[in-house]
Amino acid sequence: MKLKERIREDRTRQKVKEPLPEKALTVVAAIVQKFDLKALPMAGEGSCARLETEPKPDGRLGLFPLLTPRQWRLTREIVARYDNPYLIFARSPEEISLSWQLYECNPDLTTEVLREQSLGALWVKEGERE
């Protein structure tokens, strides 16, 4: 391969934009802002049946939510309490606590499975499996 072709390929590869990775803190902050949470979501709140029937929301949550000081404190409390690798896949307050419960039951779920299915549906499947 000629030097000129390699330079072109490198420049083309550099132009491809990759999205910023989601972090647990930004996901929780976006949920706190979107649902206007006032307190920590409790484990067992909400209906698993309702979560199972809801489709996996498309797209990403906002990466840079502007929070009030109260919302920021709540976000930090939620992340401190429910910190786990599945938290970045939560899309609602109910799924925040479900992420922790699901991780405790099955810490070996792959990223592809977590991206494709909602945490509520995965939690119901875990219940059926046991």
C-alpha atoms as a PDB file:
ATOM      1  CA  MET A   1       0.000   0.000   0.000  1.00  0.00           C
ATOM      2  CA  LYS A   2       1.321   3.379  -0.924  1.00  0.00           C
ATOM      3  CA  LEU A   3       1.993   6.048   1.638  1.00  0.00           C
ATOM      4  CA  LYS A   4      -0.565   8.339   0.029  1.00  0.00           C
ATOM      5  CA  GLU A   5      -3.320   5.703   0.364  1.00  0.00           C
ATOM      6  CA  ARG A   6      -2.437   4.999   4.005  1.00  0.00           C
ATOM      7  CA  ILE A   7      -2.618   8.698   4.834  1.00  0.00           C
ATOM      8  CA  ARG A   8      -6.055   8.925   3.193  1.00  0.00           C
ATOM      9  CA  GLU A   9      -7.313   5.906   5.140  1.00  0.00           C
ATOM     10  CA  ASP A  10      -6.005   7.327   8.421  1.00  0.00           C
ATOM     11  CA  ARG A  11      -7.696  10.659   7.805  1.00  0.00           C
ATOM     12  CA  THR A  12     -10.962   8.960   6.851  1.00  0.00           C
ATOM     13  CA  ARG A  13     -10.826   6.848  10.023  1.00  0.00           C
ATOM     14  CA  GLN A  14     -10.176   9.967  12.125  1.00  0.00           C
ATOM     15  CA  LYS A  15     -13.277  11.689  10.716  1.00  0.00           C
ATOM     16  CA  VAL A  16     -15.580   8.986  12.104  1.00  0.00           C
ATOM     17  CA  LYS A  17     -17.139  10.369  15.253  1.00  0.00           C
ATOM     18  CA  GLU A  18     -17.673   8.060  18.173  1.00  0.00           C
ATOM     19  CA  PRO A  19     -20.238   9.004  20.807  1.00  0.00           C
ATOM     20  CA  LEU A  20     -19.019   9.874  24.265  1.00  0.00           C
ATOM     21  CA  PRO A  21     -19.374   6.932  26.615  1.00  0.00           C
ATOM     22  CA  GLU A  22     -22.228   7.018  29.087  1.00  0.00           C
ATOM     23  CA  LYS A  23     -21.292   7.096  32.748  1.00  0.00           C
ATOM     24  CA  ALA A  24     -23.450   6.088  35.692  1.00  0.00           C
ATOM     25  CA  LEU A  25     -23.427   9.625  37.096  1.00  0.00           C
ATOM     26  CA  THR A  26     -24.684  11.218  33.871  1.00  0.00           C
ATOM     27  CA  VAL A  27     -27.366   8.545  33.358  1.00  0.00           C
ATOM     28  CA  VAL A  28     -28.686   8.992  36.902  1.00  0.00           C
ATOM     29  CA  ALA A  29     -28.515  12.784  36.580  1.00  0.00           C
ATOM     30  CA  ALA A  30     -30.560  12.653  33.374  1.00  0.00           C
ATOM     31  CA  ILE A  31     -33.151  10.384  35.024  1.00  0.00           C
ATOM     32  CA  VAL A  32     -33.367  12.672  38.065  1.00  0.00           C
ATOM     33  CA  GLN A  33     -33.944  15.650  35.783  1.00  0.00           C
ATOM     34  CA  LYS A  34     -36.315  13.917  33.348  1.00  0.00           C
ATOM     35  CA  PHE A  35     -38.559  12.416  36.047  1.00  0.00           C
ATOM     36  CA  ASP A  36     -38.073  15.308  38.513  1.00  0.00           C
ATOM     37  CA  LEU A  37     -37.166  12.918  41.335  1.00  0.00           C
ATOM     38  CA  LYS A  38     -37.385  14.211  44.881  1.00  0.00           C
ATOM     39  CA  ALA A  39     -36.141  11.141  46.797  1.00  0.00           C
ATOM     40  CA  LEU A  40     -34.182   7.935  46.379  1.00  0.00           C
ATOM     41  CA  PRO A  41     -36.032   5.268  44.379  1.00  0.00           C
ATOM     42  CA  MET A  42     -36.696   2.328  46.695  1.00  0.00           C
ATOM     43  CA  ALA A  43     -36.194  -1.307  45.806  1.00  0.00           C
ATOM     44  CA  GLY A  44     -39.444  -2.995  44.854  1.00  0.00           C
ATOM     45  CA  GLU A  45     -41.165   0.262  43.895  1.00  0.00           C
ATOM     46  CA  GLY A  46     -43.131   0.142  40.668  1.00  0.00           C
ATOM     47  CA  SER A  47     -44.517  -2.848  38.880  1.00  0.00           C
ATOM     48  CA  CYS A  48     -42.274  -5.397  37.198  1.00  0.00           C
ATOM     49  CA  ALA A  49     -45.148  -6.402  34.938  1.00  0.00           C
ATOM     50  CA  ARG A  50     -45.413  -2.824  33.676  1.00  0.00           C
ATOM     51  CA  LEU A  51     -41.650  -2.647  33.162  1.00  0.00           C
ATOM     52  CA  GLU A  52     -41.675  -5.894  31.207  1.00  0.00           C
ATOM     53  CA  THR A  53     -44.264  -4.633  28.733  1.00  0.00           C
ATOM     54  CA  GLU A  54     -42.519  -1.306  28.162  1.00  0.00           C
ATOM     55  CA  PRO A  55     -40.213  -1.382  25.152  1.00  0.00           C
ATOM     56  CA  LYS A  56     -36.558  -0.494  25.531  1.00  0.00           C
ATOM     57  CA  PRO A  57     -36.374   3.298  25.003  1.00  0.00           C
ATOM     58  CA  ASP A  58     -34.448   4.315  21.922  1.00  0.00           C
ATOM     59  CA  GLY A  59     -31.561   6.690  22.059  1.00  0.00           C
ATOM     60  CA  ARG A  60     -29.515   8.008  24.896  1.00  0.00           C
ATOM     61  CA  LEU A  61     -30.313  10.174  27.820  1.00  0.00           C
ATOM     62  CA  GLY A  62     -28.857  13.676  27.902  1.00  0.00           C
ATOM     63  CA  LEU A  63     -25.125  13.637  28.543  1.00  0.00           C
ATOM     64  CA  PHE A  64     -24.940  17.010  30.260  1.00  0.00           C
ATOM     65  CA  PRO A  65     -28.084  17.639  32.306  1.00  0.00           C
ATOM     66  CA  LEU A  66     -28.230  20.934  34.174  1.00  0.00           C
ATOM     67  CA  LEU A  67     -29.240  20.115  37.734  1.00  0.00           C
ATOM     68  CA  THR A  68     -30.191  22.199  40.721  1.00  0.00           C
ATOM     69  CA  PRO A  69     -28.077  21.716  43.857  1.00  0.00           C
ATOM     70  CA  ARG A  70     -30.840  19.551  45.367  1.00  0.00           C
ATOM     71  CA  GLN A  71     -30.966  17.350  42.246  1.00  0.00           C
ATOM     72  CA  TRP A  72     -27.169  17.074  42.228  1.00  0.00           C
ATOM     73  CA  ARG A  73     -27.139  15.868  45.863  1.00  0.00           C
ATOM     74  CA  LEU A  74     -29.870  13.343  45.060  1.00  0.00           C
ATOM     75  CA  THR A  75     -27.927  12.126  42.019  1.00  0.00           C
ATOM     76  CA  ARG A  76     -24.828  11.551  44.114  1.00  0.00           C
ATOM     77  CA  GLU A  77     -26.874   9.713  46.768  1.00  0.00           C
ATOM     78  CA  ILE A  78     -28.432   7.430  44.156  1.00  0.00           C
ATOM     79  CA  VAL A  79     -25.070   6.623  42.568  1.00  0.00           C
ATOM     80  CA  ALA A  80     -23.537   5.923  45.986  1.00  0.00           C
ATOM     81  CA  ARG A  81     -26.388   3.592  46.965  1.00  0.00           C
ATOM     82  CA  TYR A  82     -26.999   1.748  43.679  1.00  0.00           C
ATOM     83  CA  ASP A  83     -23.514   1.774  42.130  1.00  0.00           C
ATOM     84  CA  ASN A  84     -23.166  -1.222  39.794  1.00  0.00           C
ATOM     85  CA  PRO A  85     -22.147  -1.888  36.174  1.00  0.00           C
ATOM     86  CA  TYR A  86     -25.785  -2.208  35.029  1.00  0.00           C
ATOM     87  CA  LEU A  87     -26.735   1.279  36.246  1.00  0.00           C
ATOM     88  CA  ILE A  88     -25.763   2.891  32.931  1.00  0.00           C
ATOM     89  CA  PHE A  89     -28.528   0.880  31.241  1.00  0.00           C
ATOM     90  CA  ALA A  90     -31.302   2.262  33.490  1.00  0.00           C
ATOM     91  CA  ARG A  91     -33.834   4.497  31.759  1.00  0.00           C
ATOM     92  CA  SER A  92     -36.350   5.148  34.549  1.00  0.00           C
ATOM     93  CA  PRO A  93     -36.403   5.482  38.353  1.00  0.00           C
ATOM     94  CA  GLU A  94     -37.731   1.922  38.693  1.00  0.00           C
ATOM     95  CA  GLU A  95     -34.851   0.575  36.653  1.00  0.00           C
ATOM     96  CA  ILE A  96     -32.304   2.241  38.941  1.00  0.00           C
ATOM     97  CA  SER A  97     -33.137  -0.086  41.819  1.00  0.00           C
ATOM     98  CA  LEU A  98     -33.717  -2.997  39.428  1.00  0.00           C
ATOM     99  CA  SER A  99     -30.199  -2.569  38.054  1.00  0.00           C
ATOM    100  CA  TRP A 100     -28.754  -3.271  41.490  1.00  0.00           C
ATOM    101  CA  GLN A 101     -31.060  -6.248  42.115  1.00  0.00           C
ATOM    102  CA  LEU A 102     -30.322  -7.690  38.670  1.00  0.00           C
ATOM    103  CA  TYR A 103     -26.577  -7.306  39.172  1.00  0.00           C
ATOM    104  CA  GLU A 104     -26.807  -9.100  42.524  1.00  0.00           C
ATOM    105  CA  CYS A 105     -28.697 -12.016  40.903  1.00  0.00           C
ATOM    106  CA  ASN A 106     -26.752 -12.260  37.652  1.00  0.00           C
ATOM    107  CA  PRO A 107     -23.502 -10.276  37.356  1.00  0.00           C
ATOM    108  CA  ASP A 108     -22.580 -12.029  34.086  1.00  0.00           C
ATOM    109  CA  LEU A 109     -25.011 -10.407  31.625  1.00  0.00           C
ATOM    110  CA  THR A 110     -23.343  -9.162  28.468  1.00  0.00           C
ATOM    111  CA  THR A 111     -23.440  -5.594  27.242  1.00  0.00           C
ATOM    112  CA  GLU A 112     -25.342  -6.639  24.115  1.00  0.00           C
ATOM    113  CA  VAL A 113     -28.128  -8.226  26.165  1.00  0.00           C
ATOM    114  CA  LEU A 114     -28.365  -5.161  28.407  1.00  0.00           C
ATOM    115  CA  ARG A 115     -28.561  -2.832  25.407  1.00  0.00           C
ATOM    116  CA  GLU A 116     -31.248  -4.857  23.638  1.00  0.00           C
ATOM    117  CA  GLN A 117     -33.632  -5.539  26.530  1.00  0.00           C
ATOM    118  CA  SER A 118     -35.010  -3.397  29.310  1.00  0.00           C
ATOM    119  CA  LEU A 119     -33.873  -4.123  32.844  1.00  0.00           C
ATOM    120  CA  GLY A 120     -37.470  -4.908  33.799  1.00  0.00           C
ATOM    121  CA  ALA A 121     -37.729  -7.640  31.174  1.00  0.00           C
ATOM    122  CA  LEU A 122     -34.394  -9.091  32.247  1.00  0.00           C
ATOM    123  CA  TRP A 123     -35.512  -9.053  35.895  1.00  0.00           C
ATOM    124  CA  VAL A 124     -38.688 -10.973  35.037  1.00  0.00           C
ATOM    125  CA  LYS A 125     -36.624 -13.531  33.083  1.00  0.00           C
ATOM    126  CA  GLU A 126     -34.342 -13.962  36.100  1.00  0.00           C
ATOM    127  CA  GLY A 127     -37.392 -14.603  38.267  1.00  0.00           C
ATOM    128  CA  GLU A 128     -38.684 -17.229  35.840  1.00  0.00           C
ATOM    129  CA  ARG A 129     -35.287 -18.921  35.654  1.00  0.00           C
ATOM    130  CA  GLU A 130     -35.102 -19.412  39.418  1.00  0.00           C
END
